[in-house]
Amino acid sequence: MKFFAPPIKYDNIEMPERPKLRFMDKVPILPSNLRAPKMQKKLKWMRGPETVHNSLVHKQYGIIATGGGRLRWGHFEMLRLTIGRKMDTSRMFSIWRVEAPWQPVTKKGQGQRMGGGKGAIDHYVTPVKSGRVIVELAGELEFVEAKKILDIVCPKLPFKAMVVSQEMLDKMKAEEERLERENLNPWNFKYIVQNNLGGCHRWLSPVDHKWFGKYV
């Protein structure tokens, strides 16, 4: 006899009033007496693992970043319009897991000479680290339906990302812990860096000393 998995229960799901993704401001709203500040690149905000927003709130489906990058306002609109058009609002809802663009990026006009100070603010971005949850899709749906919708927008993001479910995240975490626990080779990259084997400190970057080759 064939074995069919029992149907999923959706008793604990509460549909919000607005199931679609909300509109994100293109420019942050500042007080009238405050001039828009300029900022450095701050690559540390895109490098390394995400330690806070790395799990699904509704324990269902979403998109996580597998590399660092920056989200522009056009990417927010692409996500909002595409997901809102493809999802069934009677039984699905989606939420943002990233804030609106807030980091200013400056740019000088075309044909200007070098010097003259920092350029004017061109646009705003949202820095994202590896492992950050970008958007969640939840409700009365299965992973096949969610993947069909999220696979459309996932390749269009400016960094590597993947569609995941809560079960996939649990398996990935368990596999990482298993590999760390059952590793029989003591000469891993972390041990080599910490003990300066072969004089590797001469050519390693500060990022390798912090993340041991994982996030370059």
C-alpha atoms as a PDB file:
ATOM      1  CA  MET A   1       0.000   0.000   0.000  1.00  0.00           C
ATOM      2  CA  LYS A   2       1.132   3.518  -0.722  1.00  0.00           C
ATOM      3  CA  PHE A   3       2.034   5.765   2.188  1.00  0.00           C
ATOM      4  CA  PHE A   4       0.769   9.321   2.146  1.00  0.00           C
ATOM      5  CA  ALA A   5       1.937  11.875   4.682  1.00  0.00           C
ATOM      6  CA  PRO A   6      -0.790  13.224   6.966  1.00  0.00           C
ATOM      7  CA  PRO A   7      -2.203  16.610   5.967  1.00  0.00           C
ATOM      8  CA  ILE A   8      -0.606  19.702   7.479  1.00  0.00           C
ATOM      9  CA  LYS A   9      -2.581  21.375  10.242  1.00  0.00           C
ATOM     10  CA  TYR A  10      -2.961  25.148  10.053  1.00  0.00           C
ATOM     11  CA  ASP A  11      -4.789  25.685  13.351  1.00  0.00           C
ATOM     12  CA  ASN A  12      -2.192  28.050  14.856  1.00  0.00           C
ATOM     13  CA  ILE A  13      -1.958  30.398  11.857  1.00  0.00           C
ATOM     14  CA  GLU A  14      -3.473  33.870  12.201  1.00  0.00           C
ATOM     15  CA  MET A  15      -3.929  35.853   9.016  1.00  0.00           C
ATOM     16  CA  PRO A  16      -2.934  39.555   9.365  1.00  0.00           C
ATOM     17  CA  GLU A  17      -5.122  42.399   8.145  1.00  0.00           C
ATOM     18  CA  ARG A  18      -2.726  43.239   5.290  1.00  0.00           C
ATOM     19  CA  PRO A  19      -1.324  40.004   3.807  1.00  0.00           C
ATOM     20  CA  LYS A  20       0.899  41.654   1.200  1.00  0.00           C
ATOM     21  CA  LEU A  21       4.334  43.221   1.718  1.00  0.00           C
ATOM     22  CA  ARG A  22       4.152  46.875   2.739  1.00  0.00           C
ATOM     23  CA  PHE A  23       5.658  49.667   0.650  1.00  0.00           C
ATOM     24  CA  MET A  24       9.202  50.699   1.602  1.00  0.00           C
ATOM     25  CA  ASP A  25      10.328  54.336   1.459  1.00  0.00           C
ATOM     26  CA  LYS A  26      12.981  55.116  -1.127  1.00  0.00           C
ATOM     27  CA  VAL A  27      14.603  57.737   1.125  1.00  0.00           C
ATOM     28  CA  PRO A  28      14.582  57.638   4.945  1.00  0.00           C
ATOM     29  CA  ILE A  29      12.399  60.274   6.580  1.00  0.00           C
ATOM     30  CA  LEU A  30      14.497  62.691   8.655  1.00  0.00           C
ATOM     31  CA  PRO A  31      13.480  65.663  10.847  1.00  0.00           C
ATOM     32  CA  SER A  32      13.206  68.976   9.016  1.00  0.00           C
ATOM     33  CA  ASN A  33      16.080  70.516  10.988  1.00  0.00           C
ATOM     34  CA  LEU A  34      18.503  67.630  10.278  1.00  0.00           C
ATOM     35  CA  ARG A  35      20.664  67.476   7.184  1.00  0.00           C
ATOM     36  CA  ALA A  36      20.991  64.049   5.556  1.00  0.00           C
ATOM     37  CA  PRO A  37      24.329  62.637   6.828  1.00  0.00           C
ATOM     38  CA  LYS A  38      26.891  60.993   4.552  1.00  0.00           C
ATOM     39  CA  MET A  39      28.555  57.733   5.481  1.00  0.00           C
ATOM     40  CA  GLN A  40      31.491  55.472   4.682  1.00  0.00           C
ATOM     41  CA  LYS A  41      31.092  52.113   2.927  1.00  0.00           C
ATOM     42  CA  LYS A  42      31.322  50.079   6.156  1.00  0.00           C
ATOM     43  CA  LEU A  43      31.970  46.678   4.539  1.00  0.00           C
ATOM     44  CA  LYS A  44      31.757  45.075   7.993  1.00  0.00           C
ATOM     45  CA  TRP A  45      27.969  45.475   7.774  1.00  0.00           C
ATOM     46  CA  MET A  46      27.932  43.068   4.804  1.00  0.00           C
ATOM     47  CA  ARG A  47      30.700  40.658   5.824  1.00  0.00           C
ATOM     48  CA  GLY A  48      30.383  37.756   8.243  1.00  0.00           C
ATOM     49  CA  PRO A  49      27.391  35.747   9.493  1.00  0.00           C
ATOM     50  CA  GLU A  50      24.057  37.166  10.576  1.00  0.00           C
ATOM     51  CA  THR A  51      23.599  36.439  14.285  1.00  0.00           C
ATOM     52  CA  VAL A  52      20.128  37.911  14.969  1.00  0.00           C
ATOM     53  CA  HIS A  53      17.726  37.667  12.009  1.00  0.00           C
ATOM     54  CA  ASN A  54      18.770  34.190  10.901  1.00  0.00           C
ATOM     55  CA  SER A  55      15.612  32.199  11.757  1.00  0.00           C
ATOM     56  CA  LEU A  56      12.033  32.174  10.467  1.00  0.00           C
ATOM     57  CA  VAL A  57       9.485  33.869  12.719  1.00  0.00           C
ATOM     58  CA  HIS A  58       6.476  31.904  11.414  1.00  0.00           C
ATOM     59  CA  LYS A  59       8.500  28.662  11.040  1.00  0.00           C
ATOM     60  CA  GLN A  60       7.378  28.109   7.447  1.00  0.00           C
ATOM     61  CA  TYR A  61       9.118  29.422   4.298  1.00  0.00           C
ATOM     62  CA  GLY A  62      11.310  32.308   3.210  1.00  0.00           C
ATOM     63  CA  ILE A  63      14.424  33.529   1.410  1.00  0.00           C
ATOM     64  CA  ILE A  64      17.797  33.681   3.160  1.00  0.00           C
ATOM     65  CA  ALA A  65      20.981  35.301   1.871  1.00  0.00           C
ATOM     66  CA  THR A  66      23.966  32.979   1.405  1.00  0.00           C
ATOM     67  CA  GLY A  67      26.329  35.892   0.775  1.00  0.00           C
ATOM     68  CA  GLY A  68      26.693  39.534   1.730  1.00  0.00           C
ATOM     69  CA  GLY A  69      25.441  42.444  -0.334  1.00  0.00           C
ATOM     70  CA  ARG A  70      23.256  45.534  -0.515  1.00  0.00           C
ATOM     71  CA  LEU A  71      19.559  45.848  -1.289  1.00  0.00           C
ATOM     72  CA  ARG A  72      18.476  48.911  -3.259  1.00  0.00           C
ATOM     73  CA  TRP A  73      14.967  50.320  -3.431  1.00  0.00           C
ATOM     74  CA  GLY A  74      14.404  48.668  -6.811  1.00  0.00           C
ATOM     75  CA  HIS A  75      14.964  45.244  -5.259  1.00  0.00           C
ATOM     76  CA  PHE A  76      12.367  45.984  -2.579  1.00  0.00           C
ATOM     77  CA  GLU A  77       9.831  46.956  -5.252  1.00  0.00           C
ATOM     78  CA  MET A  78      10.645  43.853  -7.303  1.00  0.00           C
ATOM     79  CA  LEU A  79      10.031  41.638  -4.266  1.00  0.00           C
ATOM     80  CA  ARG A  80       6.859  43.463  -3.220  1.00  0.00           C
ATOM     81  CA  LEU A  81       5.208  43.519  -6.639  1.00  0.00           C
ATOM     82  CA  THR A  82       6.170  40.008  -7.759  1.00  0.00           C
ATOM     83  CA  ILE A  83       5.249  38.224  -4.528  1.00  0.00           C
ATOM     84  CA  GLY A  84       2.047  40.258  -4.163  1.00  0.00           C
ATOM     85  CA  ARG A  85       1.009  39.371  -7.706  1.00  0.00           C
ATOM     86  CA  LYS A  86       1.738  35.636  -7.448  1.00  0.00           C
ATOM     87  CA  MET A  87       0.469  34.830  -3.939  1.00  0.00           C
ATOM     88  CA  ASP A  88      -3.104  33.928  -2.992  1.00  0.00           C
ATOM     89  CA  THR A  89      -4.053  36.566  -0.429  1.00  0.00           C
ATOM     90  CA  SER A  90      -7.034  34.558   0.844  1.00  0.00           C
ATOM     91  CA  ARG A  91      -4.755  31.946   2.451  1.00  0.00           C
ATOM     92  CA  MET A  92      -1.188  33.341   2.272  1.00  0.00           C
ATOM     93  CA  PHE A  93       0.660  36.332   3.718  1.00  0.00           C
ATOM     94  CA  SER A  94       4.206  37.686   3.508  1.00  0.00           C
ATOM     95  CA  ILE A  95       6.339  39.864   5.783  1.00  0.00           C
ATOM     96  CA  TRP A  96       9.599  41.778   5.462  1.00  0.00           C
ATOM     97  CA  ARG A  97      12.605  40.722   7.529  1.00  0.00           C
ATOM     98  CA  VAL A  98      14.846  43.595   6.418  1.00  0.00           C
ATOM     99  CA  GLU A  99      14.471  47.313   7.089  1.00  0.00           C
ATOM    100  CA  ALA A 100      13.917  49.985   4.434  1.00  0.00           C
ATOM    101  CA  PRO A 101      16.994  51.497   2.701  1.00  0.00           C
ATOM    102  CA  TRP A 102      18.847  53.640   5.243  1.00  0.00           C
ATOM    103  CA  GLN A 103      22.599  53.654   4.416  1.00  0.00           C
ATOM    104  CA  PRO A 104      23.527  56.524   2.048  1.00  0.00           C
ATOM    105  CA  VAL A 105      25.732  55.868  -0.981  1.00  0.00           C
ATOM    106  CA  THR A 106      27.461  58.917  -2.467  1.00  0.00           C
ATOM    107  CA  LYS A 107      28.429  59.489  -6.081  1.00  0.00           C
ATOM    108  CA  LYS A 108      30.089  62.309  -7.979  1.00  0.00           C
ATOM    109  CA  GLY A 109      28.719  63.680 -11.216  1.00  0.00           C
ATOM    110  CA  GLN A 110      30.059  62.484 -14.539  1.00  0.00           C
ATOM    111  CA  GLY A 111      33.157  64.269 -15.803  1.00  0.00           C
ATOM    112  CA  GLN A 112      34.201  65.818 -12.495  1.00  0.00           C
ATOM    113  CA  ARG A 113      37.865  66.123 -11.553  1.00  0.00           C
ATOM    114  CA  MET A 114      39.310  64.329  -8.562  1.00  0.00           C
ATOM    115  CA  GLY A 115      39.123  66.113  -5.215  1.00  0.00           C
ATOM    116  CA  GLY A 116      36.583  68.624  -4.090  1.00  0.00           C
ATOM    117  CA  GLY A 117      35.319  66.609  -1.135  1.00  0.00           C
ATOM    118  CA  LYS A 118      32.861  63.777  -0.839  1.00  0.00           C
ATOM    119  CA  GLY A 119      30.158  63.595  -3.489  1.00  0.00           C
ATOM    120  CA  ALA A 120      26.436  64.056  -3.005  1.00  0.00           C
ATOM    121  CA  ILE A 121      24.123  61.254  -1.843  1.00  0.00           C
ATOM    122  CA  ASP A 122      22.991  59.254  -4.882  1.00  0.00           C
ATOM    123  CA  HIS A 123      20.777  56.577  -3.309  1.00  0.00           C
ATOM    124  CA  TYR A 124      20.185  54.548  -0.138  1.00  0.00           C
ATOM    125  CA  VAL A 125      20.771  50.838   0.463  1.00  0.00           C
ATOM    126  CA  THR A 126      20.218  48.168   3.120  1.00  0.00           C
ATOM    127  CA  PRO A 127      23.336  46.078   3.921  1.00  0.00           C
ATOM    128  CA  VAL A 128      22.725  42.340   4.315  1.00  0.00           C
ATOM    129  CA  LYS A 129      24.945  39.647   5.838  1.00  0.00           C
ATOM    130  CA  SER A 130      25.122  35.956   5.015  1.00  0.00           C
ATOM    131  CA  GLY A 131      22.307  34.007   6.685  1.00  0.00           C
ATOM    132  CA  ARG A 132      19.931  36.982   6.903  1.00  0.00           C
ATOM    133  CA  VAL A 133      16.254  36.249   6.253  1.00  0.00           C
ATOM    134  CA  ILE A 134      15.022  38.641   3.548  1.00  0.00           C
ATOM    135  CA  VAL A 135      11.314  37.871   3.308  1.00  0.00           C
ATOM    136  CA  GLU A 136       8.924  35.258   4.701  1.00  0.00           C
ATOM    137  CA  LEU A 137       5.917  33.602   3.071  1.00  0.00           C
ATOM    138  CA  ALA A 138       3.463  31.846   5.382  1.00  0.00           C
ATOM    139  CA  GLY A 139      -0.143  30.767   5.668  1.00  0.00           C
ATOM    140  CA  GLU A 140      -2.061  27.733   4.439  1.00  0.00           C
ATOM    141  CA  LEU A 141       0.420  26.584   1.793  1.00  0.00           C
ATOM    142  CA  GLU A 142       3.031  23.915   1.223  1.00  0.00           C
ATOM    143  CA  PHE A 143       6.690  24.261   0.323  1.00  0.00           C
ATOM    144  CA  VAL A 144       6.037  23.457  -3.350  1.00  0.00           C
ATOM    145  CA  GLU A 145       3.744  26.475  -3.667  1.00  0.00           C
ATOM    146  CA  ALA A 146       6.081  28.785  -1.767  1.00  0.00           C
ATOM    147  CA  LYS A 147       9.126  27.685  -3.774  1.00  0.00           C
ATOM    148  CA  LYS A 148       7.293  28.291  -7.053  1.00  0.00           C
ATOM    149  CA  ILE A 149       6.659  31.914  -6.024  1.00  0.00           C
ATOM    150  CA  LEU A 150       9.989  32.679  -4.331  1.00  0.00           C
ATOM    151  CA  ASP A 151      12.098  31.072  -7.081  1.00  0.00           C
ATOM    152  CA  ILE A 152      11.029  33.915  -9.383  1.00  0.00           C
ATOM    153  CA  VAL A 153      12.554  36.683  -7.233  1.00  0.00           C
ATOM    154  CA  CYS A 154      15.459  34.812  -5.640  1.00  0.00           C
ATOM    155  CA  PRO A 155      17.840  34.923  -8.680  1.00  0.00           C
ATOM    156  CA  LYS A 156      17.160  38.648  -9.162  1.00  0.00           C
ATOM    157  CA  LEU A 157      18.671  39.664  -5.812  1.00  0.00           C
ATOM    158  CA  PRO A 158      22.137  41.331  -5.860  1.00  0.00           C
ATOM    159  CA  PHE A 159      23.678  38.536  -3.762  1.00  0.00           C
ATOM    160  CA  LYS A 160      23.457  34.759  -3.569  1.00  0.00           C
ATOM    161  CA  ALA A 161      20.255  33.597  -1.892  1.00  0.00           C
ATOM    162  CA  MET A 162      18.135  30.472  -1.562  1.00  0.00           C
ATOM    163  CA  VAL A 163      14.553  29.485  -0.788  1.00  0.00           C
ATOM    164  CA  VAL A 164      14.297  27.550   2.476  1.00  0.00           C
ATOM    165  CA  SER A 165      11.762  26.029   4.818  1.00  0.00           C
ATOM    166  CA  GLN A 166      12.024  25.563   8.563  1.00  0.00           C
ATOM    167  CA  GLU A 167      12.822  21.862   8.073  1.00  0.00           C
ATOM    168  CA  MET A 168      15.682  22.741   5.713  1.00  0.00           C
ATOM    169  CA  LEU A 169      17.153  25.215   8.206  1.00  0.00           C
ATOM    170  CA  ASP A 170      16.997  22.609  10.991  1.00  0.00           C
ATOM    171  CA  LYS A 171      18.724  20.014   8.780  1.00  0.00           C
ATOM    172  CA  MET A 172      21.446  22.461   7.733  1.00  0.00           C
ATOM    173  CA  LYS A 173      22.155  23.382  11.358  1.00  0.00           C
ATOM    174  CA  ALA A 174      22.178  19.736  12.457  1.00  0.00           C
ATOM    175  CA  GLU A 175      24.526  18.780   9.601  1.00  0.00           C
ATOM    176  CA  GLU A 176      26.927  21.592  10.496  1.00  0.00           C
ATOM    177  CA  GLU A 177      26.988  20.470  14.125  1.00  0.00           C
ATOM    178  CA  ARG A 178      27.512  16.831  13.073  1.00  0.00           C
ATOM    179  CA  LEU A 179      30.472  17.689  10.850  1.00  0.00           C
ATOM    180  CA  GLU A 180      32.029  19.730  13.645  1.00  0.00           C
ATOM    181  CA  ARG A 181      31.467  16.945  16.168  1.00  0.00           C
ATOM    182  CA  GLU A 182      32.673  14.022  14.020  1.00  0.00           C
ATOM    183  CA  ASN A 183      35.692  15.740  12.484  1.00  0.00           C
ATOM    184  CA  LEU A 184      38.777  13.540  12.984  1.00  0.00           C
ATOM    185  CA  ASN A 185      41.286  15.849  11.321  1.00  0.00           C
ATOM    186  CA  PRO A 186      42.864  18.206  13.896  1.00  0.00           C
ATOM    187  CA  TRP A 187      44.625  20.203  11.160  1.00  0.00           C
ATOM    188  CA  ASN A 188      41.685  22.350  10.142  1.00  0.00           C
ATOM    189  CA  PHE A 189      41.917  25.912   8.890  1.00  0.00           C
ATOM    190  CA  LYS A 190      41.117  27.374  12.300  1.00  0.00           C
ATOM    191  CA  TYR A 191      43.952  25.456  13.971  1.00  0.00           C
ATOM    192  CA  ILE A 192      46.400  26.471  11.230  1.00  0.00           C
ATOM    193  CA  VAL A 193      45.544  30.170  11.548  1.00  0.00           C
ATOM    194  CA  GLN A 194      45.579  30.241  15.347  1.00  0.00           C
ATOM    195  CA  ASN A 195      49.000  28.545  15.504  1.00  0.00           C
ATOM    196  CA  ASN A 196      50.579  30.401  12.556  1.00  0.00           C
ATOM    197  CA  LEU A 197      51.612  27.183  10.819  1.00  0.00           C
ATOM    198  CA  GLY A 198      53.926  27.860   7.884  1.00  0.00           C
ATOM    199  CA  GLY A 199      54.038  31.544   8.791  1.00  0.00           C
ATOM    200  CA  CYS A 200      50.539  32.055   7.371  1.00  0.00           C
ATOM    201  CA  HIS A 201      50.082  35.293   9.340  1.00  0.00           C
ATOM    202  CA  ARG A 202      52.288  37.047   6.768  1.00  0.00           C
ATOM    203  CA  TRP A 203      49.753  36.711   3.956  1.00  0.00           C
ATOM    204  CA  LEU A 204      46.392  36.131   5.687  1.00  0.00           C
ATOM    205  CA  SER A 205      43.934  39.007   5.881  1.00  0.00           C
ATOM    206  CA  PRO A 206      42.274  40.207   9.113  1.00  0.00           C
ATOM    207  CA  VAL A 207      39.034  38.622   7.871  1.00  0.00           C
ATOM    208  CA  ASP A 208      40.699  35.178   7.831  1.00  0.00           C
ATOM    209  CA  HIS A 209      41.802  35.675  11.435  1.00  0.00           C
ATOM    210  CA  LYS A 210      38.200  36.400  12.431  1.00  0.00           C
ATOM    211  CA  TRP A 211      36.107  34.010  10.294  1.00  0.00           C
ATOM    212  CA  PHE A 212      38.777  31.395   9.381  1.00  0.00           C
ATOM    213  CA  GLY A 213      38.162  31.345   5.636  1.00  0.00           C
ATOM    214  CA  LYS A 214      34.356  31.150   5.755  1.00  0.00           C
ATOM    215  CA  TYR A 215      33.388  34.705   4.803  1.00  0.00           C
ATOM    216  CA  VAL A 216      35.761  36.359   2.324  1.00  0.00           C
END
